[in-house]
Amino acid sequence: MTLFTLAIMLPTMCFGPVYGGAMRRLQKDISDGKAAASSLAEEAFSNVRTVKAFATEDRECAGYAEKNDHVFAKAREAALCYGFFQFVMQFVMFGSLDALVYFAAYLNSENELTIGEFTSFQFYMFSFLLNFMLMASVVGEVLGVFGTAAAIAEIFLYKSRVNTTGGVPVSAETAEVGTLTLSSLEFKYPTKQDIQVLNSVSIKVEKNKTIALVGTSGCGKSTIIQLVERFYDPDAGKV
């Protein structure tokens, strides 16, 4: 009877790892999608003057809606996977009980199993299956945590392209010259690769000189300062 029960539940044990891998992937996609949507919204609100000046409100809203729809689609896939997994668990649990009754009836007809032996086994088996179902009801949430943990681990393991430690120290001769040179800078923000912010910009500032960056809103004045302070590295050119 025990071997018969294990043979029935074996397909479910094989299905578990497949479900776990799918849920981890979907939960990671959901976390990444939420982060991308939040980043887009935060950037739009922090630069609302620029958005208003270039009348790109509709485009920003459309971009946020697209990322939101992506998160919804992935969450729907995760819900379908969870529902299918629960269906399989319920089917295996009650189907195995029915199969056990049928198999026990056959053994009883062959005088190989008594009603009392089957009743005691049925109670033991029901307790086992009940705990198995309780575990299955939370496994989806646990696997979802694993998917989110993978996204958090990527943040901790991420290596920035801008090296903030080490490097060559500024020499006394360089500090004495004090010239700031921007040569053929080209730059696009990482979250807006379709917009060319700077295109072949070259500026030279001599020591003890003051210059003014003048232009319309969104032309790249603040971006140049951020490149000088190395909040970003240019796509091409040199500071």
C-alpha atoms as a PDB file:
ATOM      1  CA  MET A   1       0.000   0.000   0.000  1.00  0.00           C
ATOM      2  CA  THR A   2       2.820   2.392   0.835  1.00  0.00           C
ATOM      3  CA  LEU A   3       4.614   1.665  -2.430  1.00  0.00           C
ATOM      4  CA  PHE A   4       1.341   2.120  -4.311  1.00  0.00           C
ATOM      5  CA  THR A   5       0.809   5.523  -2.666  1.00  0.00           C
ATOM      6  CA  LEU A   6       4.351   6.662  -3.439  1.00  0.00           C
ATOM      7  CA  ALA A   7       3.932   5.574  -7.067  1.00  0.00           C
ATOM      8  CA  ILE A   8       0.827   7.766  -7.316  1.00  0.00           C
ATOM      9  CA  MET A   9       2.553  10.802  -5.757  1.00  0.00           C
ATOM     10  CA  LEU A  10       5.806  10.473  -7.697  1.00  0.00           C
ATOM     11  CA  PRO A  11       4.615  12.648 -10.641  1.00  0.00           C
ATOM     12  CA  THR A  12       3.744  15.407  -8.157  1.00  0.00           C
ATOM     13  CA  MET A  13       7.237  15.289  -6.681  1.00  0.00           C
ATOM     14  CA  CYS A  14       8.655  15.720 -10.175  1.00  0.00           C
ATOM     15  CA  PHE A  15       6.262  18.590 -10.888  1.00  0.00           C
ATOM     16  CA  GLY A  16       7.336  20.525  -7.782  1.00  0.00           C
ATOM     17  CA  PRO A  17      10.804  21.620  -9.017  1.00  0.00           C
ATOM     18  CA  VAL A  18       9.334  22.728 -12.344  1.00  0.00           C
ATOM     19  CA  TYR A  19       6.733  24.839 -10.557  1.00  0.00           C
ATOM     20  CA  GLY A  20       9.383  26.235  -8.225  1.00  0.00           C
ATOM     21  CA  GLY A  21      11.624  27.341 -11.083  1.00  0.00           C
ATOM     22  CA  ALA A  22       8.714  28.989 -12.898  1.00  0.00           C
ATOM     23  CA  MET A  23       7.603  30.888  -9.778  1.00  0.00           C
ATOM     24  CA  ARG A  24      11.100  32.108  -9.006  1.00  0.00           C
ATOM     25  CA  ARG A  25      11.475  33.418 -12.557  1.00  0.00           C
ATOM     26  CA  LEU A  26       8.060  35.104 -12.541  1.00  0.00           C
ATOM     27  CA  GLN A  27       8.556  36.707  -9.125  1.00  0.00           C
ATOM     28  CA  LYS A  28      11.921  38.066 -10.237  1.00  0.00           C
ATOM     29  CA  ASP A  29      10.338  39.495 -13.404  1.00  0.00           C
ATOM     30  CA  ILE A  30       7.600  41.100 -11.301  1.00  0.00           C
ATOM     31  CA  SER A  31      10.135  42.661  -8.935  1.00  0.00           C
ATOM     32  CA  ASP A  32      12.218  43.962 -11.843  1.00  0.00           C
ATOM     33  CA  GLY A  33       9.108  45.348 -13.546  1.00  0.00           C
ATOM     34  CA  LYS A  34       7.984  47.182 -10.414  1.00  0.00           C
ATOM     35  CA  ALA A  35      11.465  48.638  -9.977  1.00  0.00           C
ATOM     36  CA  ALA A  36      11.551  49.847 -13.602  1.00  0.00           C
ATOM     37  CA  ALA A  37       8.106  51.463 -13.305  1.00  0.00           C
ATOM     38  CA  SER A  38       9.040  53.159 -10.021  1.00  0.00           C
ATOM     39  CA  SER A  39      12.306  54.417 -11.496  1.00  0.00           C
ATOM     40  CA  LEU A  40      10.503  55.889 -14.512  1.00  0.00           C
ATOM     41  CA  ALA A  41       7.911  57.619 -12.326  1.00  0.00           C
ATOM     42  CA  GLU A  42      10.537  58.960  -9.930  1.00  0.00           C
ATOM     43  CA  GLU A  43      12.623  60.369 -12.782  1.00  0.00           C
ATOM     44  CA  ALA A  44       9.588  62.011 -14.377  1.00  0.00           C
ATOM     45  CA  PHE A  45       8.465  63.636 -11.113  1.00  0.00           C
ATOM     46  CA  SER A  46      11.966  64.811 -10.189  1.00  0.00           C
ATOM     47  CA  ASN A  47      12.324  66.453 -13.626  1.00  0.00           C
ATOM     48  CA  VAL A  48       8.726  67.598 -13.956  1.00  0.00           C
ATOM     49  CA  ARG A  49       9.790  71.025 -15.257  1.00  0.00           C
ATOM     50  CA  THR A  50      11.645  69.396 -18.148  1.00  0.00           C
ATOM     51  CA  VAL A  51       8.736  67.056 -18.847  1.00  0.00           C
ATOM     52  CA  LYS A  52       6.349  70.020 -18.925  1.00  0.00           C
ATOM     53  CA  ALA A  53       8.685  72.151 -21.041  1.00  0.00           C
ATOM     54  CA  PHE A  54       8.912  69.504 -23.783  1.00  0.00           C
ATOM     55  CA  ALA A  55       5.222  68.486 -23.440  1.00  0.00           C
ATOM     56  CA  THR A  56       6.122  64.820 -22.933  1.00  0.00           C
ATOM     57  CA  GLU A  57       3.468  64.098 -20.302  1.00  0.00           C
ATOM     58  CA  ASP A  58       1.614  61.667 -22.568  1.00  0.00           C
ATOM     59  CA  ARG A  59       4.814  59.816 -23.465  1.00  0.00           C
ATOM     60  CA  GLU A  60       5.847  59.478 -19.812  1.00  0.00           C
ATOM     61  CA  CYS A  61       2.368  58.227 -18.889  1.00  0.00           C
ATOM     62  CA  ALA A  62       2.419  55.773 -21.811  1.00  0.00           C
ATOM     63  CA  GLY A  63       5.838  54.474 -20.747  1.00  0.00           C
ATOM     64  CA  TYR A  64       4.653  53.977 -17.168  1.00  0.00           C
ATOM     65  CA  ALA A  65       1.478  52.253 -18.358  1.00  0.00           C
ATOM     66  CA  GLU A  66       3.524  49.911 -20.547  1.00  0.00           C
ATOM     67  CA  LYS A  67       5.724  48.861 -17.630  1.00  0.00           C
ATOM     68  CA  ASN A  68       2.667  48.518 -15.409  1.00  0.00           C
ATOM     69  CA  ASP A  69       0.997  46.273 -17.986  1.00  0.00           C
ATOM     70  CA  HIS A  70       4.145  44.146 -18.078  1.00  0.00           C
ATOM     71  CA  VAL A  71       3.979  43.676 -14.304  1.00  0.00           C
ATOM     72  CA  PHE A  72       0.272  42.808 -14.540  1.00  0.00           C
ATOM     73  CA  ALA A  73       0.927  40.218 -17.263  1.00  0.00           C
ATOM     74  CA  LYS A  74       3.663  38.552 -15.208  1.00  0.00           C
ATOM     75  CA  ALA A  75       1.515  38.606 -12.062  1.00  0.00           C
ATOM     76  CA  ARG A  76      -1.297  36.983 -14.039  1.00  0.00           C
ATOM     77  CA  GLU A  77       1.084  34.247 -15.202  1.00  0.00           C
ATOM     78  CA  ALA A  78       2.163  33.691 -11.591  1.00  0.00           C
ATOM     79  CA  ALA A  79      -1.487  33.439 -10.487  1.00  0.00           C
ATOM     80  CA  LEU A  80      -2.231  30.905 -13.220  1.00  0.00           C
ATOM     81  CA  CYS A  81       0.819  28.842 -12.244  1.00  0.00           C
ATOM     82  CA  TYR A  82      -0.216  28.915  -8.594  1.00  0.00           C
ATOM     83  CA  GLY A  83      -3.791  27.924  -9.445  1.00  0.00           C
ATOM     84  CA  PHE A  84      -2.625  25.060 -11.644  1.00  0.00           C
ATOM     85  CA  PHE A  85      -0.237  23.866  -8.927  1.00  0.00           C
ATOM     86  CA  GLN A  86      -3.036  23.891  -6.348  1.00  0.00           C
ATOM     87  CA  PHE A  87      -5.271  21.984  -8.760  1.00  0.00           C
ATOM     88  CA  VAL A  88      -2.604  19.313  -9.190  1.00  0.00           C
ATOM     89  CA  MET A  89      -2.115  19.060  -5.420  1.00  0.00           C
ATOM     90  CA  GLN A  90      -5.843  18.697  -4.760  1.00  0.00           C
ATOM     91  CA  PHE A  91      -6.229  16.194  -7.585  1.00  0.00           C
ATOM     92  CA  VAL A  92      -3.344  14.087  -6.311  1.00  0.00           C
ATOM     93  CA  MET A  93      -4.573  14.188  -2.721  1.00  0.00           C
ATOM     94  CA  PHE A  94      -8.159  13.110  -3.321  1.00  0.00           C
ATOM     95  CA  GLY A  95      -7.284  11.006  -6.353  1.00  0.00           C
ATOM     96  CA  SER A  96      -4.773   9.043  -4.310  1.00  0.00           C
ATOM     97  CA  LEU A  97      -7.386   8.416  -1.638  1.00  0.00           C
ATOM     98  CA  ASP A  98      -9.812   7.069  -4.255  1.00  0.00           C
ATOM     99  CA  ALA A  99      -7.081   4.944  -5.801  1.00  0.00           C
ATOM    100  CA  LEU A 100      -6.173   3.566  -2.369  1.00  0.00           C
ATOM    101  CA  VAL A 101      -9.786   2.574  -1.711  1.00  0.00           C
ATOM    102  CA  TYR A 102      -9.948   0.778  -5.058  1.00  0.00           C
ATOM    103  CA  PHE A 103      -6.604  -0.963  -4.486  1.00  0.00           C
ATOM    104  CA  ALA A 104      -7.562  -1.905  -0.930  1.00  0.00           C
ATOM    105  CA  ALA A 105     -10.834  -3.392  -2.178  1.00  0.00           C
ATOM    106  CA  TYR A 106      -8.860  -5.521  -4.627  1.00  0.00           C
ATOM    107  CA  LEU A 107      -6.457  -6.711  -1.894  1.00  0.00           C
ATOM    108  CA  ASN A 108      -9.385  -7.455   0.393  1.00  0.00           C
ATOM    109  CA  SER A 109     -11.039  -9.572  -2.288  1.00  0.00           C
ATOM    110  CA  GLU A 110      -7.797 -11.530  -2.541  1.00  0.00           C
ATOM    111  CA  ASN A 111      -7.711 -11.941   1.252  1.00  0.00           C
ATOM    112  CA  GLU A 112      -4.404 -10.076   1.458  1.00  0.00           C
ATOM    113  CA  LEU A 113      -5.704  -7.080   3.447  1.00  0.00           C
ATOM    114  CA  THR A 114      -8.322  -6.766   6.176  1.00  0.00           C
ATOM    115  CA  ILE A 115     -10.716  -3.866   6.647  1.00  0.00           C
ATOM    116  CA  GLY A 116      -9.053  -2.994   9.962  1.00  0.00           C
ATOM    117  CA  GLU A 117      -5.563  -2.855   8.415  1.00  0.00           C
ATOM    118  CA  PHE A 118      -6.817  -0.648   5.603  1.00  0.00           C
ATOM    119  CA  THR A 119      -8.633   1.654   8.054  1.00  0.00           C
ATOM    120  CA  SER A 120      -5.500   2.177  10.150  1.00  0.00           C
ATOM    121  CA  PHE A 121      -3.412   2.778   7.035  1.00  0.00           C
ATOM    122  CA  GLN A 122      -6.016   5.197   5.707  1.00  0.00           C
ATOM    123  CA  PHE A 123      -5.844   7.291   8.871  1.00  0.00           C
ATOM    124  CA  TYR A 124      -2.050   7.431   8.726  1.00  0.00           C
ATOM    125  CA  MET A 125      -2.146   8.250   5.042  1.00  0.00           C
ATOM    126  CA  PHE A 126      -4.751  10.959   5.466  1.00  0.00           C
ATOM    127  CA  SER A 127      -2.621  12.659   8.135  1.00  0.00           C
ATOM    128  CA  PHE A 128       0.372  12.557   5.820  1.00  0.00           C
ATOM    129  CA  LEU A 129      -1.585  13.949   2.861  1.00  0.00           C
ATOM    130  CA  LEU A 130      -3.105  16.694   5.000  1.00  0.00           C
ATOM    131  CA  ASN A 131       0.345  17.911   6.028  1.00  0.00           C
ATOM    132  CA  PHE A 132       1.484  17.565   2.433  1.00  0.00           C
ATOM    133  CA  MET A 133      -1.362  19.845   1.315  1.00  0.00           C
ATOM    134  CA  LEU A 134      -0.591  22.405   4.027  1.00  0.00           C
ATOM    135  CA  MET A 135       3.009  22.504   2.845  1.00  0.00           C
ATOM    136  CA  ALA A 136       1.885  22.881  -0.772  1.00  0.00           C
ATOM    137  CA  SER A 137      -0.349  25.826   0.155  1.00  0.00           C
ATOM    138  CA  VAL A 138       2.639  27.898   1.312  1.00  0.00           C
ATOM    139  CA  VAL A 139       5.285  26.675  -1.095  1.00  0.00           C
ATOM    140  CA  GLY A 140       4.210  29.253  -3.681  1.00  0.00           C
ATOM    141  CA  GLU A 141       4.788  32.096  -1.231  1.00  0.00           C
ATOM    142  CA  VAL A 142       8.150  30.662  -0.188  1.00  0.00           C
ATOM    143  CA  LEU A 143       9.281  30.331  -3.789  1.00  0.00           C
ATOM    144  CA  GLY A 144       8.107  33.888  -4.420  1.00  0.00           C
ATOM    145  CA  VAL A 145      10.389  35.047  -1.616  1.00  0.00           C
ATOM    146  CA  PHE A 146      13.263  33.208  -3.307  1.00  0.00           C
ATOM    147  CA  GLY A 147      12.564  35.098  -6.533  1.00  0.00           C
ATOM    148  CA  THR A 148      12.553  38.447  -4.738  1.00  0.00           C
ATOM    149  CA  ALA A 149      15.690  37.478  -2.802  1.00  0.00           C
ATOM    150  CA  ALA A 150      17.449  36.824  -6.114  1.00  0.00           C
ATOM    151  CA  ALA A 151      16.620  40.377  -7.218  1.00  0.00           C
ATOM    152  CA  ILE A 152      17.952  41.775  -3.928  1.00  0.00           C
ATOM    153  CA  ALA A 153      21.113  39.682  -4.286  1.00  0.00           C
ATOM    154  CA  GLU A 154      21.687  41.198  -7.730  1.00  0.00           C
ATOM    155  CA  ILE A 155      21.632  44.660  -6.149  1.00  0.00           C
ATOM    156  CA  PHE A 156      24.224  43.686  -3.555  1.00  0.00           C
ATOM    157  CA  LEU A 157      26.426  41.947  -6.144  1.00  0.00           C
ATOM    158  CA  TYR A 158      26.100  44.715  -8.751  1.00  0.00           C
ATOM    159  CA  LYS A 159      29.389  46.296  -9.733  1.00  0.00           C
ATOM    160  CA  SER A 160      29.067  49.910 -10.796  1.00  0.00           C
ATOM    161  CA  ARG A 161      30.744  51.004 -14.007  1.00  0.00           C
ATOM    162  CA  VAL A 162      31.872  54.126 -12.130  1.00  0.00           C
ATOM    163  CA  ASN A 163      34.748  53.118  -9.876  1.00  0.00           C
ATOM    164  CA  THR A 164      34.526  55.127  -6.655  1.00  0.00           C
ATOM    165  CA  THR A 165      37.650  53.725  -4.977  1.00  0.00           C
ATOM    166  CA  GLY A 166      41.301  53.622  -5.924  1.00  0.00           C
ATOM    167  CA  GLY A 167      42.433  55.240  -9.158  1.00  0.00           C
ATOM    168  CA  VAL A 168      45.336  57.529  -9.904  1.00  0.00           C
ATOM    169  CA  PRO A 169      45.632  60.414  -7.425  1.00  0.00           C
ATOM    170  CA  VAL A 170      45.659  63.962  -8.737  1.00  0.00           C
ATOM    171  CA  SER A 171      49.248  65.090  -9.079  1.00  0.00           C
ATOM    172  CA  ALA A 172      50.506  68.479  -7.957  1.00  0.00           C
ATOM    173  CA  GLU A 173      51.191  69.455 -11.593  1.00  0.00           C
ATOM    174  CA  THR A 174      47.635  68.619 -12.637  1.00  0.00           C
ATOM    175  CA  ALA A 175      46.206  70.568  -9.711  1.00  0.00           C
ATOM    176  CA  GLU A 176      48.423  73.527 -10.616  1.00  0.00           C
ATOM    177  CA  VAL A 177      47.208  73.567 -14.203  1.00  0.00           C
ATOM    178  CA  GLY A 178      43.582  73.319 -13.056  1.00  0.00           C
ATOM    179  CA  THR A 179      42.072  73.105 -16.544  1.00  0.00           C
ATOM    180  CA  LEU A 180      38.753  71.297 -16.976  1.00  0.00           C
ATOM    181  CA  THR A 181      38.319  69.817 -20.450  1.00  0.00           C
ATOM    182  CA  LEU A 182      35.270  68.057 -21.866  1.00  0.00           C
ATOM    183  CA  SER A 183      36.073  66.461 -25.212  1.00  0.00           C
ATOM    184  CA  SER A 184      33.357  65.308 -27.663  1.00  0.00           C
ATOM    185  CA  LEU A 185      30.943  64.150 -25.005  1.00  0.00           C
ATOM    186  CA  GLU A 186      28.013  61.972 -26.011  1.00  0.00           C
ATOM    187  CA  PHE A 187      25.517  60.813 -23.424  1.00  0.00           C
ATOM    188  CA  LYS A 188      22.113  59.152 -22.974  1.00  0.00           C
ATOM    189  CA  TYR A 189      20.512  58.460 -19.625  1.00  0.00           C
ATOM    190  CA  PRO A 190      20.398  54.714 -18.844  1.00  0.00           C
ATOM    191  CA  THR A 191      16.605  54.760 -18.505  1.00  0.00           C
ATOM    192  CA  LYS A 192      16.052  56.814 -21.674  1.00  0.00           C
ATOM    193  CA  GLN A 193      18.263  55.345 -24.339  1.00  0.00           C
ATOM    194  CA  ASP A 194      16.057  56.807 -27.095  1.00  0.00           C
ATOM    195  CA  ILE A 195      16.925  60.427 -26.174  1.00  0.00           C
ATOM    196  CA  GLN A 196      20.359  61.819 -27.077  1.00  0.00           C
ATOM    197  CA  VAL A 197      21.054  64.337 -24.313  1.00  0.00           C
ATOM    198  CA  LEU A 198      24.584  65.371 -25.359  1.00  0.00           C
ATOM    199  CA  ASN A 199      26.026  65.075 -28.843  1.00  0.00           C
ATOM    200  CA  SER A 200      29.706  65.935 -29.437  1.00  0.00           C
ATOM    201  CA  VAL A 201      29.881  68.552 -26.673  1.00  0.00           C
ATOM    202  CA  SER A 202      33.339  70.037 -26.053  1.00  0.00           C
ATOM    203  CA  ILE A 203      34.080  72.602 -23.354  1.00  0.00           C
ATOM    204  CA  LYS A 204      37.347  73.876 -21.944  1.00  0.00           C
ATOM    205  CA  VAL A 205      37.478  75.839 -18.681  1.00  0.00           C
ATOM    206  CA  GLU A 206      40.794  77.428 -17.712  1.00  0.00           C
ATOM    207  CA  LYS A 207      41.929  77.697 -14.121  1.00  0.00           C
ATOM    208  CA  ASN A 208      40.311  80.502 -12.101  1.00  0.00           C
ATOM    209  CA  LYS A 209      37.834  81.146 -14.920  1.00  0.00           C
ATOM    210  CA  THR A 210      34.047  81.227 -14.600  1.00  0.00           C
ATOM    211  CA  ILE A 211      31.704  80.209 -17.392  1.00  0.00           C
ATOM    212  CA  ALA A 212      27.928  79.980 -17.652  1.00  0.00           C
ATOM    213  CA  LEU A 213      25.979  77.172 -19.263  1.00  0.00           C
ATOM    214  CA  VAL A 214      23.011  78.805 -20.979  1.00  0.00           C
ATOM    215  CA  GLY A 215      20.219  77.080 -22.869  1.00  0.00           C
ATOM    216  CA  THR A 216      16.621  75.979 -22.864  1.00  0.00           C
ATOM    217  CA  SER A 217      15.285  73.602 -20.252  1.00  0.00           C
ATOM    218  CA  GLY A 218      16.370  70.043 -20.983  1.00  0.00           C
ATOM    219  CA  CYS A 219      19.278  70.911 -23.272  1.00  0.00           C
ATOM    220  CA  GLY A 220      21.822  69.193 -21.010  1.00  0.00           C
ATOM    221  CA  LYS A 221      23.159  71.842 -18.628  1.00  0.00           C
ATOM    222  CA  SER A 222      22.579  69.797 -15.472  1.00  0.00           C
ATOM    223  CA  THR A 223      23.759  66.675 -17.284  1.00  0.00           C
ATOM    224  CA  ILE A 224      27.135  68.288 -17.995  1.00  0.00           C
ATOM    225  CA  ILE A 225      27.554  69.119 -14.303  1.00  0.00           C
ATOM    226  CA  GLN A 226      26.627  65.548 -13.352  1.00  0.00           C
ATOM    227  CA  LEU A 227      29.234  64.213 -15.779  1.00  0.00           C
ATOM    228  CA  VAL A 228      31.863  66.526 -14.320  1.00  0.00           C
ATOM    229  CA  GLU A 229      30.962  65.297 -10.822  1.00  0.00           C
ATOM    230  CA  ARG A 230      30.958  61.760 -12.274  1.00  0.00           C
ATOM    231  CA  PHE A 231      27.487  60.748 -11.280  1.00  0.00           C
ATOM    232  CA  TYR A 232      27.552  59.180 -14.754  1.00  0.00           C
ATOM    233  CA  ASP A 233      30.229  58.246 -17.275  1.00  0.00           C
ATOM    234  CA  PRO A 234      29.788  59.522 -20.852  1.00  0.00           C
ATOM    235  CA  ASP A 235      28.912  57.087 -23.624  1.00  0.00           C
ATOM    236  CA  ALA A 236      31.694  58.605 -25.705  1.00  0.00           C
ATOM    237  CA  GLY A 237      34.267  61.326 -25.214  1.00  0.00           C
ATOM    238  CA  LYS A 238      36.292  62.196 -22.143  1.00  0.00           C
ATOM    239  CA  VAL A 239      36.133  64.451 -19.096  1.00  0.00           C
END
